[in-house]
């Protein structure tokens, strides 16, 4: 808000009119989005559906599981790593070319 007050004090009439147009446009867009959301919710109620019902149709982000690229035995356990993210302790200071899966 401080920045807006500072702008208003120092801006010319042309700049203020341009800012008003931008604000009016943002308010109109916000109002339209709120009305659209209300219409969608009303339509869902009319059809006897909930947002959870739509989740089944839309689904969730289903990422494919990445196959491990490296495999090493560490303290009697087989440790696998895809090569993504932080390197596990078992692979610290190890030549990875010798441990390809």
PDB file of N, CA and C in Angstrom:
ATOM      1  N   UNK A   1       0.817  -1.195   0.000  1.00  0.00           N
ATOM      2  CA  UNK A   1       0.000   0.000   0.000  1.00  0.00           C
ATOM      3  C   UNK A   1       0.861   1.260   0.000  1.00  0.00           C
ATOM      4  N   UNK A   2       2.014   1.203   0.663  1.00  0.00           N
ATOM      5  CA  UNK A   2       2.885   2.378   0.689  1.00  0.00           C
ATOM      6  C   UNK A   2       3.328   2.755  -0.716  1.00  0.00           C
ATOM      7  N   UNK A   3       3.631   1.720  -1.514  1.00  0.00           N
ATOM      8  CA  UNK A   3       4.080   1.987  -2.878  1.00  0.00           C
ATOM      9  C   UNK A   3       2.979   2.658  -3.695  1.00  0.00           C
ATOM     10  N   UNK A   4       1.746   2.224  -3.456  1.00  0.00           N
ATOM     11  CA  UNK A   4       0.619   2.807  -4.189  1.00  0.00           C
ATOM     12  C   UNK A   4       0.434   4.265  -3.798  1.00  0.00           C
ATOM     13  N   UNK A   5       0.479   4.538  -2.501  1.00  0.00           N
ATOM     14  CA  UNK A   5       0.341   5.928  -2.042  1.00  0.00           C
ATOM     15  C   UNK A   5       1.444   6.801  -2.618  1.00  0.00           C
ATOM     16  N   UNK A   6       2.656   6.289  -2.618  1.00  0.00           N
ATOM     17  CA  UNK A   6       3.784   7.041  -3.158  1.00  0.00           C
ATOM     18  C   UNK A   6       3.584   7.309  -4.646  1.00  0.00           C
ATOM     19  N   UNK A   7       3.117   6.290  -5.376  1.00  0.00           N
ATOM     20  CA  UNK A   7       2.858   6.451  -6.801  1.00  0.00           C
ATOM     21  C   UNK A   7       1.792   7.509  -7.040  1.00  0.00           C
ATOM     22  N   UNK A   8       0.700   7.456  -6.265  1.00  0.00           N
ATOM     23  CA  UNK A   8      -0.415   8.394  -6.441  1.00  0.00           C
ATOM     24  C   UNK A   8       0.042   9.828  -6.209  1.00  0.00           C
ATOM     25  N   UNK A   9       0.899  10.030  -5.220  1.00  0.00           N
ATOM     26  CA  UNK A   9       1.374  11.384  -4.915  1.00  0.00           C
ATOM     27  C   UNK A   9       2.246  11.956  -6.027  1.00  0.00           C
ATOM     28  N   UNK A  10       3.023  11.095  -6.677  1.00  0.00           N
ATOM     29  CA  UNK A  10       3.993  11.604  -7.646  1.00  0.00           C
ATOM     30  C   UNK A  10       3.579  11.423  -9.105  1.00  0.00           C
ATOM     31  N   UNK A  11       2.486  10.725  -9.377  1.00  0.00           N
ATOM     32  CA  UNK A  11       2.102  10.412 -10.752  1.00  0.00           C
ATOM     33  C   UNK A  11       1.390  11.582 -11.425  1.00  0.00           C
ATOM     34  N   UNK A  12       1.537  11.605 -12.746  1.00  0.00           N
ATOM     35  CA  UNK A  12       0.816  12.601 -13.537  1.00  0.00           C
ATOM     36  C   UNK A  12      -0.613  12.108 -13.760  1.00  0.00           C
ATOM     37  N   UNK A  13      -1.447  12.985 -14.297  1.00  0.00           N
ATOM     38  CA  UNK A  13      -2.835  12.628 -14.570  1.00  0.00           C
ATOM     39  C   UNK A  13      -2.916  11.460 -15.557  1.00  0.00           C
ATOM     40  N   UNK A  14      -2.080  11.475 -16.574  1.00  0.00           N
ATOM     41  CA  UNK A  14      -2.065  10.404 -17.572  1.00  0.00           C
ATOM     42  C   UNK A  14      -1.708   9.066 -16.928  1.00  0.00           C
ATOM     43  N   UNK A  15      -0.701   9.086 -16.062  1.00  0.00           N
ATOM     44  CA  UNK A  15      -0.290   7.855 -15.380  1.00  0.00           C
ATOM     45  C   UNK A  15      -1.392   7.349 -14.450  1.00  0.00           C
ATOM     46  N   UNK A  16      -2.077   8.270 -13.771  1.00  0.00           N
ATOM     47  CA  UNK A  16      -3.170   7.877 -12.880  1.00  0.00           C
ATOM     48  C   UNK A  16      -4.331   7.269 -13.664  1.00  0.00           C
ATOM     49  N   UNK A  17      -4.643   7.855 -14.831  1.00  0.00           N
ATOM     50  CA  UNK A  17      -5.719   7.315 -15.657  1.00  0.00           C
ATOM     51  C   UNK A  17      -5.369   5.918 -16.167  1.00  0.00           C
ATOM     52  N   UNK A  18      -4.115   5.734 -16.568  1.00  0.00           N
ATOM     53  CA  UNK A  18      -3.657   4.418 -17.030  1.00  0.00           C
ATOM     54  C   UNK A  18      -3.741   3.406 -15.881  1.00  0.00           C
ATOM     55  N   UNK A  19      -3.323   3.810 -14.679  1.00  0.00           N
ATOM     56  CA  UNK A  19      -3.392   2.931 -13.513  1.00  0.00           C
ATOM     57  C   UNK A  19      -4.839   2.572 -13.199  1.00  0.00           C
ATOM     58  N   UNK A  20      -5.742   3.545 -13.333  1.00  0.00           N
ATOM     59  CA  UNK A  20      -7.164   3.298 -13.076  1.00  0.00           C
ATOM     60  C   UNK A  20      -7.711   2.272 -14.064  1.00  0.00           C
ATOM     61  N   UNK A  21      -7.314   2.394 -15.332  1.00  0.00           N
ATOM     62  CA  UNK A  21      -7.761   1.430 -16.337  1.00  0.00           C
ATOM     63  C   UNK A  21      -7.279   0.021 -15.994  1.00  0.00           C
ATOM     64  N   UNK A  22      -6.024  -0.081 -15.571  1.00  0.00           N
ATOM     65  CA  UNK A  22      -5.471  -1.386 -15.209  1.00  0.00           C
ATOM     66  C   UNK A  22      -6.200  -1.983 -14.005  1.00  0.00           C
ATOM     67  N   UNK A  23      -6.480  -1.150 -13.015  1.00  0.00           N
ATOM     68  CA  UNK A  23      -7.182  -1.614 -11.815  1.00  0.00           C
ATOM     69  C   UNK A  23      -8.605  -2.019 -12.161  1.00  0.00           C
ATOM     70  N   UNK A  24      -9.297  -1.201 -12.957  1.00  0.00           N
ATOM     71  CA  UNK A  24     -10.666  -1.536 -13.366  1.00  0.00           C
ATOM     72  C   UNK A  24     -10.697  -2.859 -14.133  1.00  0.00           C
ATOM     73  N   UNK A  25      -9.706  -3.054 -15.003  1.00  0.00           N
ATOM     74  CA  UNK A  25      -9.619  -4.289 -15.777  1.00  0.00           C
ATOM     75  C   UNK A  25      -9.393  -5.487 -14.852  1.00  0.00           C
ATOM     76  N   UNK A  26      -8.524  -5.337 -13.868  1.00  0.00           N
ATOM     77  CA  UNK A  26      -8.245  -6.422 -12.924  1.00  0.00           C
ATOM     78  C   UNK A  26      -9.480  -6.749 -12.090  1.00  0.00           C
ATOM     79  N   UNK A  27     -10.204  -5.723 -11.671  1.00  0.00           N
ATOM     80  CA  UNK A  27     -11.429  -5.932 -10.886  1.00  0.00           C
ATOM     81  C   UNK A  27     -12.472  -6.660 -11.725  1.00  0.00           C
ATOM     82  N   UNK A  28     -12.617  -6.263 -12.982  1.00  0.00           N
ATOM     83  CA  UNK A  28     -13.581  -6.907 -13.880  1.00  0.00           C
ATOM     84  C   UNK A  28     -13.232  -8.384 -14.084  1.00  0.00           C
ATOM     85  N   UNK A  29     -11.961  -8.664 -14.317  1.00  0.00           N
ATOM     86  CA  UNK A  29     -11.525 -10.045 -14.514  1.00  0.00           C
ATOM     87  C   UNK A  29     -11.785 -10.868 -13.256  1.00  0.00           C
ATOM     88  N   UNK A  30     -11.471 -10.324 -12.095  1.00  0.00           N
ATOM     89  CA  UNK A  30     -11.701 -11.013 -10.825  1.00  0.00           C
ATOM     90  C   UNK A  30     -13.189 -11.309 -10.635  1.00  0.00           C
ATOM     91  N   UNK A  31     -14.026 -10.312 -10.917  1.00  0.00           N
ATOM     92  CA  UNK A  31     -15.475 -10.473 -10.774  1.00  0.00           C
ATOM     93  C   UNK A  31     -15.993 -11.569 -11.700  1.00  0.00           C
ATOM     94  N   UNK A  32     -15.519 -11.582 -12.941  1.00  0.00           N
ATOM     95  CA  UNK A  32     -15.942 -12.605 -13.898  1.00  0.00           C
ATOM     96  C   UNK A  32     -15.530 -14.002 -13.436  1.00  0.00           C
ATOM     97  N   UNK A  33     -14.324 -14.118 -12.892  1.00  0.00           N
ATOM     98  CA  UNK A  33     -13.861 -15.415 -12.408  1.00  0.00           C
ATOM     99  C   UNK A  33     -14.708 -15.897 -11.233  1.00  0.00           C
ATOM    100  N   UNK A  34     -15.053 -14.988 -10.328  1.00  0.00           N
ATOM    101  CA  UNK A  34     -15.880 -15.361  -9.182  1.00  0.00           C
ATOM    102  C   UNK A  34     -17.265 -15.811  -9.639  1.00  0.00           C
ATOM    103  N   UNK A  35     -17.823 -15.102 -10.614  1.00  0.00           N
ATOM    104  CA  UNK A  35     -19.133 -15.479 -11.151  1.00  0.00           C
ATOM    105  C   UNK A  35     -19.069 -16.844 -11.832  1.00  0.00           C
ATOM    106  N   UNK A  36     -17.986 -17.094 -12.572  1.00  0.00           N
ATOM    107  CA  UNK A  36     -17.830 -18.378 -13.256  1.00  0.00           C
ATOM    108  C   UNK A  36     -17.713 -19.513 -12.239  1.00  0.00           C
ATOM    109  N   UNK A  37     -16.969 -19.284 -11.167  1.00  0.00           N
ATOM    110  CA  UNK A  37     -16.843 -20.303 -10.119  1.00  0.00           C
ATOM    111  C   UNK A  37     -18.201 -20.604  -9.500  1.00  0.00           C
ATOM    112  N   UNK A  38     -18.968 -19.552  -9.242  1.00  0.00           N
ATOM    113  CA  UNK A  38     -20.292 -19.734  -8.644  1.00  0.00           C
ATOM    114  C   UNK A  38     -21.192 -20.523  -9.592  1.00  0.00           C
ATOM    115  N   UNK A  39     -21.138 -20.202 -10.892  1.00  0.00           N
ATOM    116  CA  UNK A  39     -21.947 -20.921 -11.874  1.00  0.00           C
ATOM    117  C   UNK A  39     -21.585 -22.403 -11.914  1.00  0.00           C
ATOM    118  N   UNK A  40     -20.298 -22.700 -11.856  1.00  0.00           N
ATOM    119  CA  UNK A  40     -19.859 -24.096 -11.887  1.00  0.00           C
ATOM    120  C   UNK A  40     -20.335 -24.830 -10.642  1.00  0.00           C
ATOM    121  N   UNK A  41     -20.190 -24.202  -9.479  1.00  0.00           N
ATOM    122  CA  UNK A  41     -20.652 -24.834  -8.239  1.00  0.00           C
ATOM    123  C   UNK A  41     -22.161 -25.039  -8.248  1.00  0.00           C
ATOM    124  N   UNK A  42     -22.897 -24.053  -8.763  1.00  0.00           N
ATOM    125  CA  UNK A  42     -24.352 -24.193  -8.865  1.00  0.00           C
ATOM    126  C   UNK A  42     -24.727 -25.346  -9.799  1.00  0.00           C
ATOM    127  N   UNK A  43     -24.013 -25.464 -10.913  1.00  0.00           N
ATOM    128  CA  UNK A  43     -24.271 -26.550 -11.856  1.00  0.00           C
ATOM    129  C   UNK A  43     -23.974 -27.907 -11.216  1.00  0.00           C
ATOM    130  N   UNK A  44     -22.895 -27.982 -10.447  1.00  0.00           N
ATOM    131  CA  UNK A  44     -22.573 -29.228  -9.748  1.00  0.00           C
ATOM    132  C   UNK A  44     -23.693 -29.613  -8.783  1.00  0.00           C
ATOM    133  N   UNK A  45     -24.169 -28.616  -8.013  1.00  0.00           N
ATOM    134  CA  UNK A  45     -25.254 -28.885  -7.062  1.00  0.00           C
ATOM    135  C   UNK A  45     -26.505 -29.345  -7.800  1.00  0.00           C
ATOM    136  N   UNK A  46     -26.793 -28.684  -8.920  1.00  0.00           N
ATOM    137  CA  UNK A  46     -27.973 -29.023  -9.723  1.00  0.00           C
ATOM    138  C   UNK A  46     -27.907 -30.469 -10.216  1.00  0.00           C
ATOM    139  N   UNK A  47     -26.706 -30.917 -10.577  1.00  0.00           N
ATOM    140  CA  UNK A  47     -26.520 -32.278 -11.083  1.00  0.00           C
ATOM    141  C   UNK A  47     -26.295 -33.290  -9.958  1.00  0.00           C
ATOM    142  N   UNK A  48     -26.210 -32.799  -8.712  1.00  0.00           N
ATOM    143  CA  UNK A  48     -26.013 -33.701  -7.579  1.00  0.00           C
ATOM    144  C   UNK A  48     -24.587 -34.207  -7.446  1.00  0.00           C
ATOM    145  N   UNK A  49     -23.636 -33.406  -7.886  1.00  0.00           N
ATOM    146  CA  UNK A  49     -22.230 -33.795  -7.834  1.00  0.00           C
ATOM    147  C   UNK A  49     -21.467 -32.929  -6.842  1.00  0.00           C
ATOM    148  N   UNK A  50     -20.298 -33.435  -6.448  1.00  0.00           N
ATOM    149  CA  UNK A  50     -19.402 -32.663  -5.585  1.00  0.00           C
ATOM    150  C   UNK A  50     -18.064 -32.502  -6.297  1.00  0.00           C
ATOM    151  N   UNK A  51     -17.206 -31.679  -5.744  1.00  0.00           N
ATOM    152  CA  UNK A  51     -15.873 -31.508  -6.325  1.00  0.00           C
ATOM    153  C   UNK A  51     -15.086 -32.814  -6.279  1.00  0.00           C
ATOM    154  N   UNK A  52     -15.321 -33.621  -5.240  1.00  0.00           N
ATOM    155  CA  UNK A  52     -14.639 -34.911  -5.125  1.00  0.00           C
ATOM    156  C   UNK A  52     -15.024 -35.838  -6.277  1.00  0.00           C
ATOM    157  N   UNK A  53     -16.276 -35.742  -6.720  1.00  0.00           N
ATOM    158  CA  UNK A  53     -16.713 -36.553  -7.853  1.00  0.00           C
ATOM    159  C   UNK A  53     -15.923 -36.203  -9.111  1.00  0.00           C
ATOM    160  N   UNK A  54     -15.590 -34.950  -9.270  1.00  0.00           N
ATOM    161  CA  UNK A  54     -14.824 -34.523 -10.442  1.00  0.00           C
ATOM    162  C   UNK A  54     -13.379 -34.998 -10.371  1.00  0.00           C
ATOM    163  N   UNK A  55     -12.868 -35.165  -9.174  1.00  0.00           N
ATOM    164  CA  UNK A  55     -11.480 -35.589  -9.006  1.00  0.00           C
ATOM    165  C   UNK A  55     -11.250 -36.935  -9.689  1.00  0.00           C
ATOM    166  N   UNK A  56     -12.256 -37.806  -9.640  1.00  0.00           N
ATOM    167  CA  UNK A  56     -12.132 -39.108 -10.294  1.00  0.00           C
ATOM    168  C   UNK A  56     -11.991 -38.957 -11.803  1.00  0.00           C
ATOM    169  N   UNK A  57     -12.684 -37.987 -12.370  1.00  0.00           N
ATOM    170  CA  UNK A  57     -12.648 -37.770 -13.815  1.00  0.00           C
ATOM    171  C   UNK A  57     -11.343 -37.105 -14.231  1.00  0.00           C
ATOM    172  N   UNK A  58     -10.979 -36.064 -13.506  1.00  0.00           N
ATOM    173  CA  UNK A  58      -9.780 -35.304 -13.841  1.00  0.00           C
ATOM    174  C   UNK A  58      -8.538 -36.098 -13.486  1.00  0.00           C
ATOM    175  N   UNK A  59      -8.558 -36.775 -12.342  1.00  0.00           N
ATOM    176  CA  UNK A  59      -7.416 -37.560 -11.904  1.00  0.00           C
ATOM    177  C   UNK A  59      -6.376 -36.690 -11.230  1.00  0.00           C
ATOM    178  N   UNK A  60      -5.332 -37.335 -10.816  1.00  0.00           N
ATOM    179  CA  UNK A  60      -4.240 -36.626 -10.164  1.00  0.00           C
ATOM    180  C   UNK A  60      -3.017 -36.698 -11.054  1.00  0.00           C
ATOM    181  N   UNK A  61      -1.994 -36.019 -10.659  1.00  0.00           N
ATOM    182  CA  UNK A  61      -0.747 -36.019 -11.408  1.00  0.00           C
ATOM    183  C   UNK A  61      -0.104 -37.397 -11.270  1.00  0.00           C
ATOM    184  N   UNK A  62      -0.157 -38.167 -12.335  1.00  0.00           N
ATOM    185  CA  UNK A  62       0.399 -39.513 -12.290  1.00  0.00           C
ATOM    186  C   UNK A  62       1.730 -39.516 -13.025  1.00  0.00           C
ATOM    187  N   UNK A  63       2.769 -39.414 -12.253  1.00  0.00           N
ATOM    188  CA  UNK A  63       4.101 -39.431 -12.844  1.00  0.00           C
ATOM    189  C   UNK A  63       4.583 -40.872 -12.935  1.00  0.00           C
ATOM    190  N   UNK A  64       5.312 -41.142 -13.977  1.00  0.00           N
ATOM    191  CA  UNK A  64       5.846 -42.487 -14.117  1.00  0.00           C
ATOM    192  C   UNK A  64       7.027 -42.651 -13.179  1.00  0.00           C
ATOM    193  N   UNK A  65       7.126 -43.826 -12.612  1.00  0.00           N
ATOM    194  CA  UNK A  65       8.218 -44.105 -11.702  1.00  0.00           C
ATOM    195  C   UNK A  65       9.486 -44.285 -12.529  1.00  0.00           C
ATOM    196  N   UNK A  66      10.556 -43.656 -12.089  1.00  0.00           N
ATOM    197  CA  UNK A  66      11.824 -43.722 -12.801  1.00  0.00           C
ATOM    198  C   UNK A  66      12.585 -44.956 -12.330  1.00  0.00           C
ATOM    199  N   UNK A  67      13.101 -45.702 -13.278  1.00  0.00           N
ATOM    200  CA  UNK A  67      13.859 -46.902 -12.929  1.00  0.00           C
ATOM    201  C   UNK A  67      15.199 -46.503 -12.318  1.00  0.00           C
ATOM    202  N   UNK A  68      15.670 -47.286 -11.352  1.00  0.00           N
ATOM    203  CA  UNK A  68      16.979 -46.989 -10.757  1.00  0.00           C
ATOM    204  C   UNK A  68      18.086 -47.125 -11.798  1.00  0.00           C
ATOM    205  N   UNK A  69      18.999 -46.185 -11.775  1.00  0.00           N
ATOM    206  CA  UNK A  69      20.109 -46.204 -12.711  1.00  0.00           C
ATOM    207  C   UNK A  69      21.346 -46.834 -12.076  1.00  0.00           C
ATOM    208  N   UNK A  70      21.447 -46.712 -10.744  1.00  0.00           N
ATOM    209  CA  UNK A  70      22.612 -47.214 -10.029  1.00  0.00           C
ATOM    210  C   UNK A  70      22.179 -48.161  -8.921  1.00  0.00           C
ATOM    211  N   UNK A  71      23.017 -49.168  -8.667  1.00  0.00           N
ATOM    212  CA  UNK A  71      22.732 -50.136  -7.608  1.00  0.00           C
ATOM    213  C   UNK A  71      24.052 -50.462  -6.908  1.00  0.00           C
ATOM    214  N   UNK A  72      24.028 -50.485  -5.574  1.00  0.00           N
ATOM    215  CA  UNK A  72      25.230 -50.776  -4.799  1.00  0.00           C
ATOM    216  C   UNK A  72      24.832 -51.511  -3.529  1.00  0.00           C
ATOM    217  N   UNK A  73      25.733 -52.369  -3.048  1.00  0.00           N
ATOM    218  CA  UNK A  73      25.503 -53.025  -1.762  1.00  0.00           C
ATOM    219  C   UNK A  73      26.194 -52.182  -0.699  1.00  0.00           C
ATOM    220  N   UNK A  74      25.439 -51.821   0.332  1.00  0.00           N
ATOM    221  CA  UNK A  74      25.947 -50.931   1.381  1.00  0.00           C
ATOM    222  C   UNK A  74      25.455 -51.462   2.720  1.00  0.00           C
ATOM    223  N   UNK A  75      26.394 -51.854   3.577  1.00  0.00           N
ATOM    224  CA  UNK A  75      26.066 -52.417   4.892  1.00  0.00           C
ATOM    225  C   UNK A  75      25.096 -53.593   4.775  1.00  0.00           C
ATOM    226  N   UNK A  76      25.318 -54.447   3.802  1.00  0.00           N
ATOM    227  CA  UNK A  76      24.493 -55.633   3.641  1.00  0.00           C
ATOM    228  C   UNK A  76      23.156 -55.389   2.958  1.00  0.00           C
ATOM    229  N   UNK A  77      22.882 -54.166   2.558  1.00  0.00           N
ATOM    230  CA  UNK A  77      21.622 -53.833   1.883  1.00  0.00           C
ATOM    231  C   UNK A  77      21.902 -53.428   0.447  1.00  0.00           C
ATOM    232  N   UNK A  78      20.962 -53.706  -0.422  1.00  0.00           N
ATOM    233  CA  UNK A  78      21.052 -53.238  -1.805  1.00  0.00           C
ATOM    234  C   UNK A  78      20.392 -51.863  -1.853  1.00  0.00           C
ATOM    235  N   UNK A  79      21.166 -50.864  -2.237  1.00  0.00           N
ATOM    236  CA  UNK A  79      20.671 -49.492  -2.342  1.00  0.00           C
ATOM    237  C   UNK A  79      20.605 -49.138  -3.823  1.00  0.00           C
ATOM    238  N   UNK A  80      19.444 -48.631  -4.247  1.00  0.00           N
ATOM    239  CA  UNK A  80      19.272 -48.204  -5.632  1.00  0.00           C
ATOM    240  C   UNK A  80      19.040 -46.701  -5.671  1.00  0.00           C
ATOM    241  N   UNK A  81      19.476 -46.088  -6.768  1.00  0.00           N
ATOM    242  CA  UNK A  81      19.324 -44.647  -6.931  1.00  0.00           C
ATOM    243  C   UNK A  81      19.067 -44.354  -8.400  1.00  0.00           C
ATOM    244  N   UNK A  82      18.142 -43.456  -8.651  1.00  0.00           N
ATOM    245  CA  UNK A  82      17.794 -43.112 -10.033  1.00  0.00           C
ATOM    246  C   UNK A  82      18.787 -42.153 -10.669  1.00  0.00           C
ATOM    247  N   UNK A  83      19.610 -41.532  -9.851  1.00  0.00           N
ATOM    248  CA  UNK A  83      20.529 -40.525 -10.367  1.00  0.00           C
ATOM    249  C   UNK A  83      19.947 -39.133 -10.274  1.00  0.00           C
ATOM    250  N   UNK A  84      18.752 -39.040  -9.701  1.00  0.00           N
ATOM    251  CA  UNK A  84      18.086 -37.750  -9.526  1.00  0.00           C
ATOM    252  C   UNK A  84      18.084 -37.389  -8.052  1.00  0.00           C
ATOM    253  N   UNK A  85      18.108 -36.122  -7.779  1.00  0.00           N
ATOM    254  CA  UNK A  85      18.053 -35.674  -6.389  1.00  0.00           C
ATOM    255  C   UNK A  85      19.395 -35.825  -5.702  1.00  0.00           C
ATOM    256  N   UNK A  86      19.358 -35.679  -4.385  1.00  0.00           N
ATOM    257  CA  UNK A  86      20.579 -35.740  -3.592  1.00  0.00           C
ATOM    258  C   UNK A  86      21.162 -37.153  -3.630  1.00  0.00           C
ATOM    259  N   UNK A  87      22.465 -37.234  -3.769  1.00  0.00           N
ATOM    260  CA  UNK A  87      23.141 -38.521  -3.828  1.00  0.00           C
ATOM    261  C   UNK A  87      23.099 -39.188  -2.447  1.00  0.00           C
ATOM    262  N   UNK A  88      22.621 -40.438  -2.368  1.00  0.00           N
ATOM    263  CA  UNK A  88      22.569 -41.138  -1.083  1.00  0.00           C
ATOM    264  C   UNK A  88      23.968 -41.378  -0.515  1.00  0.00           C
ATOM    265  N   UNK A  89      24.035 -41.572   0.803  1.00  0.00           N
ATOM    266  CA  UNK A  89      25.318 -41.809   1.472  1.00  0.00           C
ATOM    267  C   UNK A  89      26.078 -42.962   0.839  1.00  0.00           C
ATOM    268  N   UNK A  90      25.366 -43.995   0.481  1.00  0.00           N
ATOM    269  CA  UNK A  90      26.005 -45.183  -0.082  1.00  0.00           C
ATOM    270  C   UNK A  90      26.779 -44.861  -1.359  1.00  0.00           C
ATOM    271  N   UNK A  91      26.394 -43.820  -2.056  1.00  0.00           N
ATOM    272  CA  UNK A  91      27.030 -43.472  -3.322  1.00  0.00           C
ATOM    273  C   UNK A  91      28.033 -42.321  -3.197  1.00  0.00           C
ATOM    274  N   UNK A  92      28.249 -41.822  -1.998  1.00  0.00           N
ATOM    275  CA  UNK A  92      29.192 -40.726  -1.794  1.00  0.00           C
ATOM    276  C   UNK A  92      30.614 -41.230  -2.063  1.00  0.00           C
ATOM    277  N   UNK A  93      31.351 -40.523  -2.895  1.00  0.00           N
ATOM    278  CA  UNK A  93      32.745 -40.860  -3.176  1.00  0.00           C
ATOM    279  C   UNK A  93      32.926 -42.161  -3.942  1.00  0.00           C
ATOM    280  N   UNK A  94      31.915 -42.594  -4.673  1.00  0.00           N
ATOM    281  CA  UNK A  94      31.970 -43.858  -5.410  1.00  0.00           C
ATOM    282  C   UNK A  94      31.942 -43.552  -6.904  1.00  0.00           C
ATOM    283  N   UNK A  95      32.717 -44.319  -7.677  1.00  0.00           N
ATOM    284  CA  UNK A  95      32.689 -44.191  -9.131  1.00  0.00           C
ATOM    285  C   UNK A  95      31.392 -44.826  -9.630  1.00  0.00           C
ATOM    286  N   UNK A  96      30.469 -44.003 -10.079  1.00  0.00           N
ATOM    287  CA  UNK A  96      29.141 -44.484 -10.452  1.00  0.00           C
ATOM    288  C   UNK A  96      29.152 -45.407 -11.667  1.00  0.00           C
ATOM    289  N   UNK A  97      30.161 -45.286 -12.526  1.00  0.00           N
ATOM    290  CA  UNK A  97      30.194 -46.123 -13.731  1.00  0.00           C
ATOM    291  C   UNK A  97      30.355 -47.602 -13.388  1.00  0.00           C
ATOM    292  N   UNK A  98      30.840 -47.898 -12.189  1.00  0.00           N
ATOM    293  CA  UNK A  98      31.020 -49.291 -11.768  1.00  0.00           C
ATOM    294  C   UNK A  98      29.758 -49.873 -11.145  1.00  0.00           C
ATOM    295  N   UNK A  99      28.745 -49.043 -10.922  1.00  0.00           N
ATOM    296  CA  UNK A  99      27.551 -49.493 -10.220  1.00  0.00           C
ATOM    297  C   UNK A  99      26.267 -49.247 -11.014  1.00  0.00           C
ATOM    298  N   UNK A 100      26.359 -49.328 -12.326  1.00  0.00           N
ATOM    299  CA  UNK A 100      25.160 -49.159 -13.144  1.00  0.00           C
ATOM    300  C   UNK A 100      24.229 -50.344 -12.934  1.00  0.00           C
ATOM    301  N   UNK A 101      22.942 -50.057 -12.862  1.00  0.00           N
ATOM    302  CA  UNK A 101      21.951 -51.125 -12.604  1.00  0.00           C
ATOM    303  C   UNK A 101      21.714 -51.942 -13.844  1.00  0.00           C
TER     304      UNK A 101
END
